[in-house]
Structures are given as C-alpha cells and as structure tokens.
Amino acid sequence: MSRLLTLLIVVALAAALAYGGARHLVERAQVPMPAGETRVVISKGSSVRGVAAALRAQGIEVSPELLLLRYRWRKLDGQLKAGTYAFSAPQTIDSLLDRFVSGDTVLETIRFVEGWTFRQMRAAVDAHPELVRDTAGLDDAELLKRIGAGETRAEGLFMPETYGFAPGTSDLDIYRQAYRLMQQRLTAAWEQRQPGLPLENPYQALILASIVEKETGQPAERPLVAGVFINRLRIGMMLQSDPTTIYGLGERFDGNLRRRDLRADTPYNTYTRGGLPPTPIALPGSASIEAVLNPADTKALYFVARGDGSSEFSNNLADHNRAVARYQLKRK
C-alpha cells in the first residue's frame, strides 16, 4: 500500500470519527431553555426555520442550522405537526423533533354537565380562555347553521361530555363535536329502542330524555322515572313536570314554584298542555336517553321526592297523595 493511499485512509478515518463525535454531541447536547414548563405554538405550514424561531421566541435557544441539519438527516420532510406544545428541561434537538413529529400537543378540556341548558353551555364556552370565539355575535339559529345542524332551536342538541382540544381551537369545533356525538348516540339508542313506545321520532325521545334528566335525583331511578312519563303519554295524561314549567317561565322564575306559576300557560307548561313540550329543556346524558328508550316495566303513574334524593313511586292517585302527605307535607 502506497504512503499516499495510507494517508488518505487515515484522513478519511479521522474525518469519520470527527463527524461521528460531532453527531454524537449534537444528538445528546441539551438545548438551553427556561426553567419550568414552556409552551410553544407551531403554526400550520411552518418551515423548520419557522419552528426554530418559535422555539427561540419562548427562550428555547435551539440553533436553526442544527435543527435543520437533524431534520434533514432524519428525513422528516413534511412530518412536523402544528399545535401547542409544552416543553420542560432537559430537551435535545432530537427530542424536540420527536415531539413535533408525534404531534404530542397540549390538550385543554371543557366539560358540559348533564342537565345544563344551552345558555349555560354557551356561557361555559364563551368563558374558556383557550377557545377562539368564532360564535361571538351569532344567535343560536346561526350557530346551528354554521355547524351544519338542520334544527333551528339549540336546546338539548349537544351531548354533555368532557371534550379535549388544542389551545386556539375555534369554539365552532367544540359545538360541532358535541352536536355530532349527540346525533350518533341518539341514533344508536333509537335503533335499539323498546317496541311500542309512544314516541314518533328521535327528537321526541330527546325531549323526554331532557325531562327525565331534570326530574331524576338518583341515577338508578332513571328507568322508573322514564316509565312513569311513558305511561302518562300512553294514556293521554298530562306530564305535569315542574322542570318543564320552570323552563317555560324563563327569567321570571325566582327559585320558588308557586300555584300561579303552574296555572301560567306557556308552551312548556305540562300542567296546562298535554303531550311533550316543543323542545328539550336541558342537555340529557346518554343514561337518560337510554332510560327513555328502554324504560322500566312499571305501572307507576306518579312519583314524589322523599327528601333524600330518591323518589316514592305510586300506581294510583290515592297512594300518591299518601306519599305526598308523608314525604312533602310533613316537612312544611
């Protein structure tokens, strides 16, 4: 072997070792960053240098050149995902890239509670600091139109659940998710309904489910409460539900339901009008929908609160009056 060839081999080996050492240092070197959690927003379509700029703007001192070098070396073209990321030390260039490739973004949550009205739901959405308020200034009908809903009244159309989302998400996306989830669960429950129910369509089931949601104190009693209302509908008896009547009073209700309120006729007063009210009165959960479409096999036509969250069910008015005297009148 000639001395020139030997020299070339030695130089090549030295270069390879130097490159390998440099690569090893780059892969393991920690990126200087602030103490605690640092959040970084990566916009859709950002270049690698744009990502580096976003990191540096939050005090994560990554080298744009080294970030681009590792990005190209690892063949990550087109794999970086937009979103809000939370980083804490220690981090390397590769660990940063791994997060951007996996899309391990920060998720916020919002919870809608069973029995809430749409007004309460909308107030919770408006108050969430991480949602973009694209519905500001929209009335309920226009909001429904924007999310692709065919209905014009919003009450009861949204599934009460906890929803996760990335910071900066449009509030329309949350409404759309909750609406679609309600449609999916209501349709599935309707298809598995008990035969012979006095309900003409899924929307009527939704209306009754909202009443059951507001009337039930103990979750286990939902099928019984639903059974009472189903029995009343079957025989043409008034539903006589306090929650529907209260809903119809709107802002006039001061927390005390009086006899004159029960006589004040509104479309929601089920003491003065037969059948179901025109819309749901609240957000019913899956359990209430299931209870309405598969109610308990009961002859009960009445129930009264015992005062401990449970109810006393009666098959006839005489028994019901005795239960009222026992559980309600004695407390007055």
Protein backbone atom coordinates (compact mmCIF):
# COMPACT_ATOMS: atom_id res chain seq x y z
CA MET A 1 0.00 0.00 0.00
CA SER A 2 1.42 3.35 -1.04
CA ARG A 3 2.10 6.04 1.50
CA LEU A 4 -0.42 8.35 -0.26
CA LEU A 5 -3.19 5.78 -0.06
CA THR A 6 -2.41 5.15 3.60
CA LEU A 7 -2.54 8.85 4.29
CA LEU A 8 -5.91 9.18 2.54
CA ILE A 9 -7.33 6.32 4.60
CA VAL A 10 -6.08 7.88 7.82
CA VAL A 11 -7.59 11.25 6.88
CA ALA A 12 -10.92 9.61 5.97
CA LEU A 13 -11.00 7.71 9.25
CA ALA A 14 -10.22 10.85 11.19
CA ALA A 15 -12.96 12.74 9.37
CA ALA A 16 -15.43 9.95 10.03
CA LEU A 17 -14.51 9.86 13.71
CA ALA A 18 -14.77 13.62 13.95
CA TYR A 19 -18.16 13.58 12.22
CA GLY A 20 -19.36 10.75 14.43
CA GLY A 21 -18.20 12.58 17.52
CA ALA A 22 -19.86 15.79 16.41
CA ARG A 23 -23.06 13.94 15.57
CA HIS A 24 -22.97 12.24 18.98
CA LEU A 25 -22.56 15.61 20.68
CA VAL A 26 -25.45 17.13 18.67
CA GLU A 27 -27.72 14.20 19.47
CA ARG A 28 -27.03 14.32 23.21
CA ALA A 29 -26.47 18.02 23.81
CA GLN A 30 -29.18 19.65 25.90
CA VAL A 31 -30.85 22.71 24.46
CA PRO A 32 -30.72 25.78 26.78
CA MET A 33 -34.24 26.64 27.92
CA PRO A 34 -36.14 28.38 30.74
CA ALA A 35 -36.96 26.61 34.00
CA GLY A 36 -40.41 25.12 34.34
CA GLU A 37 -42.87 24.49 31.54
CA THR A 38 -42.58 26.43 28.30
CA ARG A 39 -45.38 26.48 25.74
CA VAL A 40 -44.68 26.91 22.06
CA VAL A 41 -47.27 27.38 19.30
CA ILE A 42 -46.32 25.95 15.92
CA SER A 43 -48.46 27.28 13.10
CA LYS A 44 -49.70 25.11 10.28
CA GLY A 45 -47.25 25.07 7.37
CA SER A 46 -44.30 26.38 9.42
CA SER A 47 -40.85 25.78 7.97
CA VAL A 48 -38.08 24.27 10.09
CA ARG A 49 -36.59 27.72 10.49
CA GLY A 50 -40.03 28.98 11.48
CA VAL A 51 -40.20 26.26 14.13
CA ALA A 52 -36.77 27.29 15.38
CA ALA A 53 -37.89 30.92 15.53
CA ALA A 54 -40.98 29.94 17.54
CA LEU A 55 -38.81 27.98 19.97
CA ARG A 56 -36.30 30.81 20.37
CA ALA A 57 -39.11 33.33 20.90
CA GLN A 58 -40.07 31.37 24.03
CA GLY A 59 -36.50 31.17 25.32
CA ILE A 60 -35.61 27.70 23.95
CA GLU A 61 -32.23 28.50 22.40
CA VAL A 62 -32.08 25.96 19.61
CA SER A 63 -29.71 26.52 16.68
CA PRO A 64 -31.77 26.89 13.46
CA GLU A 65 -28.89 25.37 11.48
CA LEU A 66 -28.56 22.31 13.74
CA LEU A 67 -32.33 21.82 13.85
CA LEU A 68 -32.45 21.89 10.05
CA LEU A 69 -29.44 19.54 9.84
CA ARG A 70 -31.06 16.92 12.10
CA TYR A 71 -34.41 17.37 10.36
CA ARG A 72 -32.82 16.57 7.00
CA TRP A 73 -30.55 13.82 8.35
CA ARG A 74 -33.55 12.01 9.87
CA LYS A 75 -35.60 12.51 6.68
CA LEU A 76 -38.51 14.15 8.46
CA ASP A 77 -39.75 16.16 5.48
CA GLY A 78 -43.44 17.03 5.88
CA GLN A 79 -43.81 15.21 9.22
CA LEU A 80 -43.81 18.15 11.65
CA LYS A 81 -47.29 18.82 13.06
CA ALA A 82 -48.81 22.13 14.05
CA GLY A 83 -50.21 22.74 17.51
CA THR A 84 -49.35 23.95 21.00
CA TYR A 85 -46.52 22.07 22.71
CA ALA A 86 -45.34 22.13 26.32
CA PHE A 87 -41.63 21.53 26.98
CA SER A 88 -39.64 21.12 30.17
CA ALA A 89 -35.90 20.63 30.55
CA PRO A 90 -33.98 18.59 29.64
CA GLN A 91 -34.50 18.58 25.88
CA THR A 92 -32.25 17.76 22.94
CA ILE A 93 -32.73 18.71 19.32
CA ASP A 94 -33.87 15.17 18.59
CA SER A 95 -36.35 15.10 21.49
CA LEU A 96 -37.85 18.35 20.24
CA LEU A 97 -38.19 16.92 16.75
CA ASP A 98 -39.70 13.72 18.15
CA ARG A 99 -42.48 15.73 19.82
CA PHE A 100 -43.21 17.70 16.67
CA VAL A 101 -43.38 14.51 14.60
CA SER A 102 -45.63 12.64 17.07
CA GLY A 103 -47.97 15.62 17.42
CA ASP A 104 -47.86 15.33 21.21
CA THR A 105 -49.61 18.66 21.70
CA VAL A 106 -51.11 20.25 24.78
CA LEU A 107 -54.81 19.47 25.24
CA GLU A 108 -57.24 21.67 27.10
CA THR A 109 -60.62 20.36 28.23
CA ILE A 110 -64.14 21.67 28.60
CA ARG A 111 -66.97 19.83 30.34
CA PHE A 112 -70.68 20.16 29.68
CA VAL A 113 -72.81 18.89 32.57
CA GLU A 114 -75.95 16.77 32.25
CA GLY A 115 -78.97 18.94 32.88
CA TRP A 116 -77.37 22.19 31.77
CA THR A 117 -79.38 24.43 29.49
CA PHE A 118 -77.87 25.57 26.22
CA ARG A 119 -77.46 29.02 27.74
CA GLN A 120 -75.25 27.53 30.46
CA MET A 121 -73.30 25.53 27.91
CA ARG A 122 -72.72 28.58 25.77
CA ALA A 123 -71.59 30.62 28.77
CA ALA A 124 -69.00 27.93 29.59
CA VAL A 125 -67.70 28.00 26.02
CA ASP A 126 -67.54 31.80 25.97
CA ALA A 127 -65.63 31.84 29.27
CA HIS A 128 -62.94 29.33 28.24
CA PRO A 129 -59.69 31.28 27.69
CA GLU A 130 -58.20 28.78 25.21
CA LEU A 131 -61.09 28.76 22.72
CA VAL A 132 -61.33 31.20 19.82
CA ARG A 133 -64.79 32.78 19.92
CA ASP A 134 -65.89 32.49 16.32
CA THR A 135 -69.52 32.41 17.52
CA ALA A 136 -69.36 35.86 19.10
CA GLY A 137 -72.38 37.84 17.93
CA LEU A 138 -74.16 34.81 16.45
CA ASP A 139 -77.66 33.92 17.56
CA ASP A 140 -78.46 30.28 18.26
CA ALA A 141 -80.01 29.66 14.84
CA GLU A 142 -76.96 31.00 13.00
CA LEU A 143 -74.66 28.99 15.27
CA LEU A 144 -76.54 25.81 14.36
CA LYS A 145 -76.30 26.68 10.69
CA ARG A 146 -72.52 27.18 10.95
CA ILE A 147 -72.02 23.67 12.40
CA GLY A 148 -74.22 22.01 9.79
CA ALA A 149 -77.23 21.32 12.03
CA GLY A 150 -80.66 21.28 10.43
CA GLU A 151 -82.51 22.34 13.59
CA THR A 152 -83.30 25.95 14.45
CA ARG A 153 -83.60 25.52 18.26
CA ALA A 154 -80.37 24.60 20.05
CA GLU A 155 -81.70 23.34 23.38
CA GLY A 156 -80.77 19.73 24.11
CA LEU A 157 -78.90 19.06 20.86
CA PHE A 158 -75.42 18.71 22.39
CA MET A 159 -74.01 15.72 24.26
CA PRO A 160 -72.87 16.60 27.78
CA GLU A 161 -69.34 15.21 27.98
CA THR A 162 -65.75 16.34 28.53
CA TYR A 163 -64.07 17.42 25.30
CA GLY A 164 -60.34 17.79 24.67
CA PHE A 165 -58.92 20.35 22.27
CA ALA A 166 -55.74 22.16 21.37
CA PRO A 167 -55.42 25.77 22.58
CA GLY A 168 -56.59 28.16 19.90
CA THR A 169 -59.33 25.83 18.64
CA SER A 170 -62.45 27.51 17.27
CA ASP A 171 -65.46 27.24 19.55
CA LEU A 172 -67.40 26.12 16.48
CA ASP A 173 -65.34 22.91 16.52
CA ILE A 174 -66.49 22.18 20.08
CA TYR A 175 -70.13 22.78 19.24
CA ARG A 176 -69.75 20.62 16.13
CA GLN A 177 -68.19 17.76 18.13
CA ALA A 178 -70.87 17.86 20.82
CA TYR A 179 -73.67 18.04 18.25
CA ARG A 180 -72.35 15.12 16.21
CA LEU A 181 -71.79 12.99 19.30
CA MET A 182 -75.39 13.58 20.40
CA GLN A 183 -76.65 12.62 16.94
CA GLN A 184 -74.58 9.43 16.95
CA ARG A 185 -75.68 8.30 20.42
CA LEU A 186 -79.31 9.28 19.94
CA THR A 187 -79.48 7.41 16.63
CA ALA A 188 -77.84 4.31 18.08
CA ALA A 189 -80.20 4.30 21.09
CA TRP A 190 -83.25 4.88 18.87
CA GLU A 191 -82.35 1.86 16.76
CA GLN A 192 -82.24 -0.31 19.91
CA ARG A 193 -85.43 1.11 21.45
CA GLN A 194 -88.15 -0.87 23.12
CA PRO A 195 -91.05 -1.58 20.74
CA GLY A 196 -94.37 0.17 21.18
CA LEU A 197 -93.15 3.41 22.73
CA PRO A 198 -95.44 6.46 22.34
CA LEU A 199 -92.64 8.40 20.67
CA GLU A 200 -92.72 9.25 16.98
CA ASN A 201 -89.07 10.09 16.33
CA PRO A 202 -85.65 10.52 17.96
CA TYR A 203 -86.29 14.20 18.65
CA GLN A 204 -89.30 13.36 20.81
CA ALA A 205 -87.09 10.88 22.67
CA LEU A 206 -84.59 13.68 23.20
CA ILE A 207 -87.30 15.96 24.62
CA LEU A 208 -88.46 13.32 27.08
CA ALA A 209 -84.87 12.42 28.00
CA SER A 210 -84.24 16.04 28.96
CA ILE A 211 -87.25 15.93 31.29
CA VAL A 212 -86.03 12.67 32.85
CA GLU A 213 -82.59 14.26 33.28
CA LYS A 214 -84.06 17.13 35.30
CA GLU A 215 -86.55 15.01 37.25
CA THR A 216 -84.20 12.28 38.46
CA GLY A 217 -82.38 12.53 41.79
CA GLN A 218 -80.86 9.05 41.84
CA PRO A 219 -79.23 7.71 38.65
CA ALA A 220 -80.63 4.21 39.27
CA GLU A 221 -84.17 5.62 39.16
CA ARG A 222 -83.95 7.00 35.62
CA PRO A 223 -85.71 3.99 34.02
CA LEU A 224 -88.53 4.24 36.58
CA VAL A 225 -88.97 7.98 36.08
CA ALA A 226 -88.95 7.40 32.32
CA GLY A 227 -91.51 4.63 32.79
CA VAL A 228 -93.89 6.99 34.61
CA PHE A 229 -93.79 9.56 31.79
CA ILE A 230 -94.11 6.86 29.11
CA ASN A 231 -97.17 5.52 30.93
CA ARG A 232 -98.69 9.00 31.07
CA LEU A 233 -98.12 9.58 27.36
CA ARG A 234 -99.72 6.24 26.55
CA ILE A 235 -102.98 7.12 28.30
CA GLY A 236 -103.03 10.81 27.34
CA MET A 237 -102.36 12.01 30.87
CA MET A 238 -100.69 15.38 31.48
CA LEU A 239 -96.97 15.03 32.16
CA GLN A 240 -97.23 17.60 34.98
CA SER A 241 -93.47 18.15 35.19
CA ASP A 242 -92.18 21.01 37.34
CA PRO A 243 -88.91 21.36 35.39
CA THR A 244 -90.73 21.94 32.07
CA THR A 245 -92.94 24.55 33.70
CA ILE A 246 -89.94 26.27 35.26
CA TYR A 247 -88.19 26.27 31.88
CA GLY A 248 -91.21 27.98 30.34
CA LEU A 249 -91.15 30.70 32.98
CA GLY A 250 -87.61 31.64 31.95
CA GLU A 251 -86.18 34.59 33.85
CA ARG A 252 -89.49 35.08 35.68
CA PHE A 253 -88.71 32.03 37.82
CA ASP A 254 -87.24 33.19 41.13
CA GLY A 255 -86.48 29.77 42.60
CA ASN A 256 -89.92 29.25 44.16
CA LEU A 257 -92.56 27.48 42.05
CA ARG A 258 -95.99 28.78 43.08
CA ARG A 259 -99.53 27.69 42.28
CA ARG A 260 -99.97 30.66 39.98
CA ASP A 261 -96.89 29.51 38.05
CA LEU A 262 -98.48 26.11 37.49
CA ARG A 263 -101.52 27.89 36.02
CA ALA A 264 -99.49 30.31 33.85
CA ASP A 265 -99.83 28.83 30.38
CA THR A 266 -96.70 28.57 28.23
CA PRO A 267 -95.73 26.02 25.55
CA TYR A 268 -93.65 24.30 28.26
CA ASN A 269 -96.28 24.18 31.00
CA THR A 270 -97.13 20.49 31.12
CA TYR A 271 -99.81 21.21 33.74
CA THR A 272 -101.84 23.20 31.19
CA ARG A 273 -100.86 21.45 27.95
CA GLY A 274 -100.90 17.80 27.02
CA GLY A 275 -98.09 15.81 25.42
CA LEU A 276 -94.47 16.78 25.16
CA PRO A 277 -93.17 20.36 25.21
CA PRO A 278 -91.92 21.70 21.86
CA THR A 279 -88.19 21.27 22.57
CA PRO A 280 -85.89 19.69 25.13
CA ILE A 281 -85.41 21.70 28.30
CA ALA A 282 -81.78 20.75 29.01
CA LEU A 283 -78.84 18.62 27.87
CA PRO A 284 -79.75 14.97 28.50
CA GLY A 285 -76.93 12.49 29.04
CA SER A 286 -76.67 9.05 27.47
CA ALA A 287 -78.19 7.38 30.55
CA SER A 288 -81.36 9.46 30.33
CA ILE A 289 -81.71 8.78 26.60
CA GLU A 290 -81.28 5.06 27.22
CA ALA A 291 -83.83 5.17 30.05
CA VAL A 292 -86.45 6.80 27.84
CA LEU A 293 -85.97 4.34 25.01
CA ASN A 294 -85.81 1.34 27.33
CA PRO A 295 -87.92 2.35 30.35
CA ALA A 296 -88.64 0.18 33.36
CA ASP A 297 -91.62 -2.17 33.14
CA THR A 298 -93.78 -0.39 35.70
CA LYS A 299 -97.44 0.56 36.22
CA ALA A 300 -96.49 3.68 38.17
CA LEU A 301 -98.11 6.95 37.14
CA TYR A 302 -96.77 9.14 39.93
CA PHE A 303 -93.63 9.81 41.91
CA VAL A 304 -92.70 12.19 44.70
CA ALA A 305 -89.34 13.15 46.17
CA ARG A 306 -88.60 11.56 49.55
CA GLY A 307 -86.19 14.32 50.50
CA ASP A 308 -83.04 12.20 50.32
CA GLY A 309 -82.58 12.30 46.55
CA SER A 310 -84.77 9.24 45.92
CA SER A 311 -88.44 9.06 44.94
CA GLU A 312 -91.57 7.19 46.02
CA PHE A 313 -93.44 5.70 43.04
CA SER A 314 -97.18 5.07 43.06
CA ASN A 315 -99.58 3.32 40.69
CA ASN A 316 -102.64 5.41 41.57
CA LEU A 317 -103.59 8.85 42.83
CA ALA A 318 -104.67 7.69 46.29
CA ASP A 319 -101.28 6.12 47.00
CA HIS A 320 -99.58 9.15 45.55
CA ASN A 321 -101.50 11.51 47.81
CA ARG A 322 -100.48 9.46 50.83
CA ALA A 323 -96.85 9.60 49.68
CA VAL A 324 -97.10 13.38 49.24
CA ALA A 325 -98.50 13.71 52.77
CA ARG A 326 -95.73 11.55 54.15
CA TYR A 327 -92.74 12.99 52.35
CA GLN A 328 -93.75 16.54 51.41
CA LEU A 329 -96.45 17.93 53.68
CA LYS A 330 -94.75 16.77 56.89
CA ARG A 331 -91.72 18.88 56.04
CA LYS A 332 -93.76 22.07 55.74
